PDB file of N, CA and C in Angstrom:
ATOM      1  N   MET A   1      52.700 -43.046  79.190  1.00  0.00           N
ATOM      2  CA  MET A   1      51.286 -42.940  78.432  1.00  0.00           C
ATOM      3  C   MET A   1      51.405 -42.579  77.033  1.00  0.00           C
ATOM      4  N   GLN A   2      51.907 -42.164  76.545  1.00  0.00           N
ATOM      5  CA  GLN A   2      52.532 -41.950  75.123  1.00  0.00           C
ATOM      6  C   GLN A   2      52.793 -43.388  74.310  1.00  0.00           C
ATOM      7  N   ALA A   3      53.913 -44.019  75.326  1.00  0.00           N
ATOM      8  CA  ALA A   3      54.007 -45.732  74.677  1.00  0.00           C
ATOM      9  C   ALA A   3      53.042 -46.343  74.503  1.00  0.00           C
ATOM     10  N   GLU A   4      52.318 -46.185  75.399  1.00  0.00           N
ATOM     11  CA  GLU A   4      50.789 -47.471  75.295  1.00  0.00           C
ATOM     12  C   GLU A   4      49.986 -46.706  75.014  1.00  0.00           C
ATOM     13  N   LEU A   5      50.161 -45.507  74.156  1.00  0.00           N
ATOM     14  CA  LEU A   5      48.420 -45.318  72.961  1.00  0.00           C
ATOM     15  C   LEU A   5      49.176 -45.581  71.649  1.00  0.00           C
ATOM     16  N   GLY A   6      50.462 -46.073  71.629  1.00  0.00           N
ATOM     17  CA  GLY A   6      50.803 -46.265  70.169  1.00  0.00           C
ATOM     18  C   GLY A   6      50.587 -45.766  69.236  1.00  0.00           C
ATOM     19  N   GLY A   7      51.219 -44.047  69.087  1.00  0.00           N
ATOM     20  CA  GLY A   7      50.667 -43.585  68.279  1.00  0.00           C
ATOM     21  C   GLY A   7      49.582 -42.980  67.737  1.00  0.00           C
ATOM     22  N   GLN A   8      48.679 -43.611  68.293  1.00  0.00           N
ATOM     23  CA  GLN A   8      47.585 -42.851  68.162  1.00  0.00           C
ATOM     24  C   GLN A   8      47.265 -41.457  68.665  1.00  0.00           C
ATOM     25  N   ALA A   9      48.283 -40.818  69.251  1.00  0.00           N
ATOM     26  CA  ALA A   9      47.827 -39.078  69.882  1.00  0.00           C
ATOM     27  C   ALA A   9      49.311 -38.935  70.039  1.00  0.00           C
ATOM     28  N   VAL A  10      49.293 -37.259  70.142  1.00  0.00           N
ATOM     29  CA  VAL A  10      50.644 -36.951  70.218  1.00  0.00           C
ATOM     30  C   VAL A  10      50.513 -35.566  71.679  1.00  0.00           C
ATOM     31  N   ILE A  11      51.303 -36.039  72.408  1.00  0.00           N
ATOM     32  CA  ILE A  11      51.188 -35.467  73.613  1.00  0.00           C
ATOM     33  C   ILE A  11      52.464 -34.247  73.434  1.00  0.00           C
ATOM     34  N   LEU A  12      51.928 -33.090  74.155  1.00  0.00           N
ATOM     35  CA  LEU A  12      52.893 -32.349  74.176  1.00  0.00           C
ATOM     36  C   LEU A  12      53.043 -31.539  75.298  1.00  0.00           C
ATOM     37  N   GLY A  13      53.762 -30.619  76.054  1.00  0.00           N
ATOM     38  CA  GLY A  13      53.457 -29.995  77.097  1.00  0.00           C
ATOM     39  C   GLY A  13      53.331 -27.996  76.031  1.00  0.00           C
ATOM     40  N   VAL A  14      52.968 -27.471  77.290  1.00  0.00           N
ATOM     41  CA  VAL A  14      52.899 -25.710  76.525  1.00  0.00           C
ATOM     42  C   VAL A  14      52.757 -25.145  78.117  1.00  0.00           C
ATOM     43  N   ASP A  15      53.882 -24.279  78.168  1.00  0.00           N
ATOM     44  CA  ASP A  15      54.549 -23.335  79.251  1.00  0.00           C
ATOM     45  C   ASP A  15      54.133 -22.001  79.089  1.00  0.00           C
ATOM     46  N   ALA A  16      53.404 -21.569  80.388  1.00  0.00           N
ATOM     47  CA  ALA A  16      53.055 -20.638  80.441  1.00  0.00           C
ATOM     48  C   ALA A  16      54.277 -19.288  80.379  1.00  0.00           C
ATOM     49  N   ILE A  17      54.167 -18.230  79.444  1.00  0.00           N
ATOM     50  CA  ILE A  17      55.040 -17.032  79.604  1.00  0.00           C
ATOM     51  C   ILE A  17      55.810 -17.032  80.715  1.00  0.00           C
ATOM     52  N   ASP A  18      54.927 -16.928  81.870  1.00  0.00           N
ATOM     53  CA  ASP A  18      55.927 -16.443  82.866  1.00  0.00           C
ATOM     54  C   ASP A  18      56.970 -17.554  83.710  1.00  0.00           C
ATOM     55  N   GLN A  19      56.659 -18.313  83.210  1.00  0.00           N
ATOM     56  CA  GLN A  19      57.513 -20.006  83.481  1.00  0.00           C
ATOM     57  C   GLN A  19      58.826 -20.341  82.252  1.00  0.00           C
ATOM     58  N   VAL A  20      58.712 -19.519  81.883  1.00  0.00           N
ATOM     59  CA  VAL A  20      60.416 -19.749  80.841  1.00  0.00           C
ATOM     60  C   VAL A  20      61.430 -20.305  81.288  1.00  0.00           C
ATOM     61  N   SER A  21      61.694 -19.537  82.642  1.00  0.00           N
ATOM     62  CA  SER A  21      62.748 -19.939  83.608  1.00  0.00           C
ATOM     63  C   SER A  21      62.603 -21.282  84.170  1.00  0.00           C
ATOM     64  N   TYR A  22      61.759 -22.124  84.317  1.00  0.00           N
ATOM     65  CA  TYR A  22      61.746 -23.463  84.302  1.00  0.00           C
ATOM     66  C   TYR A  22      61.865 -24.590  82.738  1.00  0.00           C
ATOM     67  N   GLN A  23      62.087 -24.293  81.828  1.00  0.00           N
ATOM     68  CA  GLN A  23      62.041 -24.685  81.152  1.00  0.00           C
ATOM     69  C   GLN A  23      62.981 -26.230  81.056  1.00  0.00           C
ATOM     70  N   GLY A  24      64.413 -25.594  81.204  1.00  0.00           N
ATOM     71  CA  GLY A  24      65.299 -26.481  81.530  1.00  0.00           C
ATOM     72  C   GLY A  24      64.834 -27.556  83.106  1.00  0.00           C
ATOM     73  N   LEU A  25      64.133 -27.276  83.650  1.00  0.00           N
ATOM     74  CA  LEU A  25      63.928 -28.591  84.837  1.00  0.00           C
ATOM     75  C   LEU A  25      62.888 -29.340  83.652  1.00  0.00           C
ATOM     76  N   VAL A  26      61.848 -29.126  83.293  1.00  0.00           N
ATOM     77  CA  VAL A  26      61.036 -29.793  82.720  1.00  0.00           C
ATOM     78  C   VAL A  26      61.551 -30.586  82.024  1.00  0.00           C
ATOM     79  N   ALA A  27      62.768 -30.588  81.096  1.00  0.00           N
ATOM     80  CA  ALA A  27      63.525 -30.696  79.943  1.00  0.00           C
ATOM     81  C   ALA A  27      64.376 -32.345  80.712  1.00  0.00           C
ATOM     82  N   ASP A  28      64.406 -32.146  82.115  1.00  0.00           N
ATOM     83  CA  ASP A  28      65.295 -33.044  83.227  1.00  0.00           C
ATOM     84  C   ASP A  28      64.582 -34.430  83.258  1.00  0.00           C
ATOM     85  N   VAL A  29      63.180 -33.662  83.561  1.00  0.00           N
ATOM     86  CA  VAL A  29      62.391 -35.046  83.733  1.00  0.00           C
ATOM     87  C   VAL A  29      61.041 -35.596  83.174  1.00  0.00           C
ATOM     88  N   SER A  30      61.621 -34.956  81.805  1.00  0.00           N
ATOM     89  CA  SER A  30      60.002 -35.311  81.121  1.00  0.00           C
ATOM     90  C   SER A  30      61.155 -35.786  79.589  1.00  0.00           C
ATOM     91  N   ASP A  31      60.511 -36.573  78.631  1.00  0.00           N
ATOM     92  CA  ASP A  31      60.444 -36.679  77.439  1.00  0.00           C
ATOM     93  C   ASP A  31      59.357 -36.186  76.220  1.00  0.00           C
ATOM     94  N   LEU A  32      58.623 -34.923  76.781  1.00  0.00           N
ATOM     95  CA  LEU A  32      57.704 -35.075  75.845  1.00  0.00           C
ATOM     96  C   LEU A  32      58.067 -33.501  75.298  1.00  0.00           C
ATOM     97  N   PRO A  33      57.561 -33.433  74.242  1.00  0.00           N
ATOM     98  CA  PRO A  33      57.962 -31.729  73.442  1.00  0.00           C
ATOM     99  C   PRO A  33      57.263 -30.935  74.185  1.00  0.00           C
ATOM    100  N   TRP A  34      58.278 -29.836  74.744  1.00  0.00           N
ATOM    101  CA  TRP A  34      57.734 -28.691  75.442  1.00  0.00           C
ATOM    102  C   TRP A  34      57.790 -27.458  74.303  1.00  0.00           C
ATOM    103  N   LEU A  35      57.084 -27.115  74.333  1.00  0.00           N
ATOM    104  CA  LEU A  35      56.869 -25.575  73.492  1.00  0.00           C
ATOM    105  C   LEU A  35      56.363 -24.459  75.135  1.00  0.00           C
ATOM    106  N   GLN A  36      56.511 -23.151  74.226  1.00  0.00           N
ATOM    107  CA  GLN A  36      57.257 -22.283  75.009  1.00  0.00           C
ATOM    108  C   GLN A  36      55.871 -21.154  74.822  1.00  0.00           C
ATOM    109  N   ASP A  37      55.065 -20.800  75.267  1.00  0.00           N
ATOM    110  CA  ASP A  37      53.919 -19.891  75.072  1.00  0.00           C
ATOM    111  C   ASP A  37      54.884 -18.177  74.964  1.00  0.00           C
ATOM    112  N   VAL A  38      54.258 -17.565  73.826  1.00  0.00           N
ATOM    113  CA  VAL A  38      54.759 -16.164  74.184  1.00  0.00           C
ATOM    114  C   VAL A  38      53.618 -14.948  73.934  1.00  0.00           C
ATOM    115  N   GLU A  39      54.077 -14.143  74.294  1.00  0.00           N
ATOM    116  CA  GLU A  39      53.050 -12.886  74.144  1.00  0.00           C
ATOM    117  C   GLU A  39      52.371 -12.757  72.970  1.00  0.00           C
ATOM    118  N   THR A  40      52.974 -13.130  71.626  1.00  0.00           N
ATOM    119  CA  THR A  40      52.366 -12.876  70.319  1.00  0.00           C
ATOM    120  C   THR A  40      50.822 -13.854  70.105  1.00  0.00           C
ATOM    121  N   VAL A  41      51.408 -15.020  70.986  1.00  0.00           N
ATOM    122  CA  VAL A  41      50.268 -16.147  70.400  1.00  0.00           C
ATOM    123  C   VAL A  41      49.252 -15.955  71.994  1.00  0.00           C
ATOM    124  N   GLY A  42      49.735 -15.812  73.279  1.00  0.00           N
ATOM    125  CA  GLY A  42      48.994 -16.060  74.539  1.00  0.00           C
ATOM    126  C   GLY A  42      48.155 -17.158  74.517  1.00  0.00           C
ATOM    127  N   ALA A  43      48.629 -18.564  74.426  1.00  0.00           N
ATOM    128  CA  ALA A  43      47.379 -19.649  74.135  1.00  0.00           C
ATOM    129  C   ALA A  43      46.515 -20.090  75.079  1.00  0.00           C
ATOM    130  N   TRP A  44      47.818 -19.637  76.402  1.00  0.00           N
ATOM    131  CA  TRP A  44      47.532 -19.902  77.796  1.00  0.00           C
ATOM    132  C   TRP A  44      46.053 -19.200  77.943  1.00  0.00           C
ATOM    133  N   GLU A  45      46.382 -17.748  78.221  1.00  0.00           N
ATOM    134  CA  GLU A  45      45.338 -16.774  77.948  1.00  0.00           C
ATOM    135  C   GLU A  45      43.864 -17.296  76.765  1.00  0.00           C
ATOM    136  N   LEU A  46      44.165 -17.460  75.522  1.00  0.00           N
ATOM    137  CA  LEU A  46      43.417 -17.746  74.662  1.00  0.00           C
ATOM    138  C   LEU A  46      42.130 -18.813  74.807  1.00  0.00           C
ATOM    139  N   TRP A  47      42.956 -20.126  75.770  1.00  0.00           N
ATOM    140  CA  TRP A  47      42.196 -21.506  76.048  1.00  0.00           C
ATOM    141  C   TRP A  47      42.011 -21.229  77.418  1.00  0.00           C
ATOM    142  N   ASP A  48      42.205 -20.268  78.308  1.00  0.00           N
ATOM    143  CA  ASP A  48      41.537 -19.779  79.559  1.00  0.00           C
ATOM    144  C   ASP A  48      42.390 -21.330  80.382  1.00  0.00           C
ATOM    145  N   ALA A  49      43.844 -21.562  79.817  1.00  0.00           N
ATOM    146  CA  ALA A  49      44.233 -23.041  80.973  1.00  0.00           C
ATOM    147  C   ALA A  49      44.557 -22.312  82.170  1.00  0.00           C
ATOM    148  N   GLU A  50      44.274 -23.475  82.932  1.00  0.00           N
ATOM    149  CA  GLU A  50      44.877 -23.935  84.370  1.00  0.00           C
ATOM    150  C   GLU A  50      46.049 -24.374  84.213  1.00  0.00           C
ATOM    151  N   TRP A  51      46.933 -24.311  85.376  1.00  0.00           N
ATOM    152  CA  TRP A  51      47.877 -24.775  85.995  1.00  0.00           C
ATOM    153  C   TRP A  51      48.295 -26.616  85.639  1.00  0.00           C
ATOM    154  N   ARG A  52      48.637 -27.524  85.017  1.00  0.00           N
ATOM    155  CA  ARG A  52      48.748 -28.821  84.931  1.00  0.00           C
ATOM    156  C   ARG A  52      47.008 -29.434  84.116  1.00  0.00           C
ATOM    157  N   ASP A  53      46.241 -28.187  83.172  1.00  0.00           N
ATOM    158  CA  ASP A  53      45.422 -28.997  82.525  1.00  0.00           C
ATOM    159  C   ASP A  53      45.932 -29.969  81.281  1.00  0.00           C
ATOM    160  N   VAL A  54      45.859 -30.569  81.331  1.00  0.00           N
ATOM    161  CA  VAL A  54      45.851 -31.751  79.812  1.00  0.00           C
ATOM    162  C   VAL A  54      44.409 -31.454  78.834  1.00  0.00           C
ATOM    163  N   TRP A  55      44.473 -30.546  77.920  1.00  0.00           N
ATOM    164  CA  TRP A  55      43.619 -30.765  76.717  1.00  0.00           C
ATOM    165  C   TRP A  55      43.492 -31.556  75.855  1.00  0.00           C
ATOM    166  N   VAL A  56      42.717 -32.492  75.384  1.00  0.00           N
ATOM    167  CA  VAL A  56      42.438 -33.503  74.739  1.00  0.00           C
ATOM    168  C   VAL A  56      41.790 -33.265  73.355  1.00  0.00           C
ATOM    169  N   LEU A  57      42.686 -32.987  72.178  1.00  0.00           N
ATOM    170  CA  LEU A  57      41.465 -32.502  70.862  1.00  0.00           C
ATOM    171  C   LEU A  57      41.510 -33.565  70.091  1.00  0.00           C
ATOM    172  N   ASP A  58      40.330 -33.814  68.988  1.00  0.00           N
ATOM    173  CA  ASP A  58      40.098 -34.246  68.110  1.00  0.00           C
ATOM    174  C   ASP A  58      40.976 -34.464  66.958  1.00  0.00           C
ATOM    175  N   PRO A  59      41.133 -35.173  65.977  1.00  0.00           N
ATOM    176  CA  PRO A  59      42.209 -34.734  64.648  1.00  0.00           C
ATOM    177  C   PRO A  59      41.513 -33.438  64.345  1.00  0.00           C
ATOM    178  N   ASP A  60      40.642 -32.742  64.011  1.00  0.00           N
ATOM    179  CA  ASP A  60      39.805 -31.317  63.957  1.00  0.00           C
ATOM    180  C   ASP A  60      40.493 -30.351  64.771  1.00  0.00           C
ATOM    181  N   ASN A  61      41.084 -30.761  65.901  1.00  0.00           N
ATOM    182  CA  ASN A  61      41.409 -29.511  66.798  1.00  0.00           C
ATOM    183  C   ASN A  61      40.330 -28.980  67.552  1.00  0.00           C
ATOM    184  N   ARG A  62      39.460 -29.610  67.273  1.00  0.00           N
ATOM    185  CA  ARG A  62      38.392 -29.580  68.425  1.00  0.00           C
ATOM    186  C   ARG A  62      38.462 -30.261  69.797  1.00  0.00           C
ATOM    187  N   LEU A  63      38.015 -29.265  70.957  1.00  0.00           N
ATOM    188  CA  LEU A  63      38.231 -29.770  72.254  1.00  0.00           C
ATOM    189  C   LEU A  63      37.276 -30.834  72.531  1.00  0.00           C
ATOM    190  N   VAL A  64      37.850 -31.740  72.951  1.00  0.00           N
ATOM    191  CA  VAL A  64      37.339 -33.217  73.466  1.00  0.00           C
ATOM    192  C   VAL A  64      36.791 -33.229  75.309  1.00  0.00           C
ATOM    193  N   GLY A  65      37.581 -32.982  75.719  1.00  0.00           N
ATOM    194  CA  GLY A  65      37.896 -32.382  77.444  1.00  0.00           C
ATOM    195  C   GLY A  65      39.161 -32.157  77.854  1.00  0.00           C
ATOM    196  N   ILE A  66      39.183 -31.443  79.425  1.00  0.00           N
ATOM    197  CA  ILE A  66      39.868 -31.487  79.920  1.00  0.00           C
ATOM    198  C   ILE A  66      39.818 -31.764  81.326  1.00  0.00           C
ATOM    199  N   TYR A  67      41.451 -32.351  81.410  1.00  0.00           N
ATOM    200  CA  TYR A  67      41.942 -33.158  82.571  1.00  0.00           C
ATOM    201  C   TYR A  67      42.922 -32.334  83.550  1.00  0.00           C
ATOM    202  N   ASN A  68      42.513 -31.883  84.868  1.00  0.00           N
ATOM    203  CA  ASN A  68      43.465 -31.476  85.207  1.00  0.00           C
ATOM    204  C   ASN A  68      44.085 -32.463  86.187  1.00  0.00           C
ATOM    205  N   LEU A  69      45.688 -32.329  85.861  1.00  0.00           N
ATOM    206  CA  LEU A  69      46.445 -33.171  86.910  1.00  0.00           C
ATOM    207  C   LEU A  69      46.808 -33.087  88.610  1.00  0.00           C
ATOM    208  N   SER A  70      46.316 -31.853  88.575  1.00  0.00           N
ATOM    209  CA  SER A  70      46.013 -31.369  90.025  1.00  0.00           C
ATOM    210  C   SER A  70      45.174 -32.253  91.052  1.00  0.00           C
ATOM    211  N   ALA A  71      44.007 -32.192  89.919  1.00  0.00           N
ATOM    212  CA  ALA A  71      42.458 -32.528  90.866  1.00  0.00           C
ATOM    213  C   ALA A  71      42.779 -34.156  90.957  1.00  0.00           C
ATOM    214  N   TYR A  72      43.486 -35.003  89.565  1.00  0.00           N
ATOM    215  CA  TYR A  72      43.739 -36.141  89.227  1.00  0.00           C
ATOM    216  C   TYR A  72      44.758 -37.058  89.306  1.00  0.00           C
ATOM    217  N   ASP A  73      45.141 -36.915  90.115  1.00  0.00           N
ATOM    218  CA  ASP A  73      46.708 -37.285  90.320  1.00  0.00           C
ATOM    219  C   ASP A  73      46.757 -38.648  89.581  1.00  0.00           C
ATOM    220  N   LEU A  74      47.952 -38.516  88.492  1.00  0.00           N
ATOM    221  CA  LEU A  74      48.055 -39.683  87.792  1.00  0.00           C
ATOM    222  C   LEU A  74      48.632 -41.292  88.150  1.00  0.00           C
ATOM    223  N   ALA A  75      48.775 -41.285  89.624  1.00  0.00           N
ATOM    224  CA  ALA A  75      49.475 -41.872  90.593  1.00  0.00           C
ATOM    225  C   ALA A  75      48.618 -43.199  90.605  1.00  0.00           C
ATOM    226  N   VAL A  76      47.069 -42.479  90.808  1.00  0.00           N
ATOM    227  CA  VAL A  76      45.861 -43.329  91.062  1.00  0.00           C
ATOM    228  C   VAL A  76      45.607 -44.225  89.998  1.00  0.00           C
ATOM    229  N   GLU A  77      45.709 -45.515  89.675  1.00  0.00           N
ATOM    230  CA  GLU A  77      45.479 -46.216  88.448  1.00  0.00           C
ATOM    231  C   GLU A  77      44.097 -45.367  87.484  1.00  0.00           C
ATOM    232  N   ASP A  78      43.282 -45.015  88.634  1.00  0.00           N
ATOM    233  CA  ASP A  78      41.563 -45.115  87.906  1.00  0.00           C
ATOM    234  C   ASP A  78      41.737 -43.538  87.085  1.00  0.00           C
ATOM    235  N   ASN A  79      42.664 -42.673  87.820  1.00  0.00           N
ATOM    236  CA  ASN A  79      42.859 -41.648  87.357  1.00  0.00           C
ATOM    237  C   ASN A  79      43.243 -41.911  85.913  1.00  0.00           C
ATOM    238  N   TYR A  80      44.763 -42.386  86.243  1.00  0.00           N
ATOM    239  CA  TYR A  80      45.234 -42.852  84.766  1.00  0.00           C
ATOM    240  C   TYR A  80      45.074 -43.435  83.830  1.00  0.00           C
ATOM    241  N   ARG A  81      44.102 -44.281  84.006  1.00  0.00           N
ATOM    242  CA  ARG A  81      43.388 -44.751  83.144  1.00  0.00           C
ATOM    243  C   ARG A  81      41.862 -44.087  82.538  1.00  0.00           C
ATOM    244  N   ALA A  82      41.456 -43.012  82.914  1.00  0.00           N
ATOM    245  CA  ALA A  82      40.273 -42.320  82.583  1.00  0.00           C
ATOM    246  C   ALA A  82      40.758 -41.083  81.578  1.00  0.00           C
ATOM    247  N   LEU A  83      42.270 -40.925  82.077  1.00  0.00           N
ATOM    248  CA  LEU A  83      42.729 -39.856  81.207  1.00  0.00           C
ATOM    249  C   LEU A  83      43.450 -40.589  79.868  1.00  0.00           C
ATOM    250  N   GLU A  84      43.773 -41.577  80.111  1.00  0.00           N
ATOM    251  CA  GLU A  84      44.035 -42.690  79.120  1.00  0.00           C
ATOM    252  C   GLU A  84      43.040 -42.697  78.199  1.00  0.00           C
ATOM    253  N   ASP A  85      41.574 -43.387  78.573  1.00  0.00           N
ATOM    254  CA  ASP A  85      40.733 -43.660  77.577  1.00  0.00           C
ATOM    255  C   ASP A  85      40.026 -42.408  77.459  1.00  0.00           C
ATOM    256  N   LEU A  86      40.330 -41.115  77.856  1.00  0.00           N
ATOM    257  CA  LEU A  86      39.847 -39.401  77.208  1.00  0.00           C
ATOM    258  C   LEU A  86      40.656 -39.504  75.828  1.00  0.00           C
ATOM    259  N   ILE A  87      41.976 -39.485  75.948  1.00  0.00           N
ATOM    260  CA  ILE A  87      42.803 -39.434  74.785  1.00  0.00           C
ATOM    261  C   ILE A  87      42.367 -40.279  73.688  1.00  0.00           C
ATOM    262  N   ARG A  88      42.117 -41.799  74.044  1.00  0.00           N
ATOM    263  CA  ARG A  88      41.625 -42.329  72.895  1.00  0.00           C
ATOM    264  C   ARG A  88      40.248 -42.141  72.378  1.00  0.00           C
ATOM    265  N   SER A  89      39.244 -41.735  73.336  1.00  0.00           N
ATOM    266  CA  SER A  89      38.111 -41.263  72.692  1.00  0.00           C
ATOM    267  C   SER A  89      38.241 -40.432  71.759  1.00  0.00           C
ATOM    268  N   ALA A  90      38.970 -39.397  71.569  1.00  0.00           N
ATOM    269  CA  ALA A  90      39.394 -38.394  70.660  1.00  0.00           C
ATOM    270  C   ALA A  90      40.181 -39.013  69.394  1.00  0.00           C
ATOM    271  N   SER A  91      40.418 -40.251  69.458  1.00  0.00           N
ATOM    272  CA  SER A  91      41.268 -40.544  68.302  1.00  0.00           C
ATOM    273  C   SER A  91      39.925 -40.979  67.167  1.00  0.00           C
ATOM    274  N   PRO A  92      40.521 -41.206  65.794  1.00  0.00           N
ATOM    275  CA  PRO A  92      39.638 -41.815  65.265  1.00  0.00           C
ATOM    276  C   PRO A  92      39.323 -43.325  65.016  1.00  0.00           C
TER     277      PRO A  92
END
């Protein structure tokens, strides 16, 4: 999807604090930049994030929407397009 968006958006992952041991696995299957949440930040807790959430922010870092990949499998074309549309709606 990153390529389809043509630079209109930056997509990255944020791993939960207790999932640090899985970072190598993520790197093996994904080319997305991957960040590690740490206790001094606590991003998952601050944002009340759920496993496999996609948080879409506008250029001013305001929340546009949340799309959960466990509920909406991207292998389903309609779900893929819905997420792509949500991301595009956040772009200027």
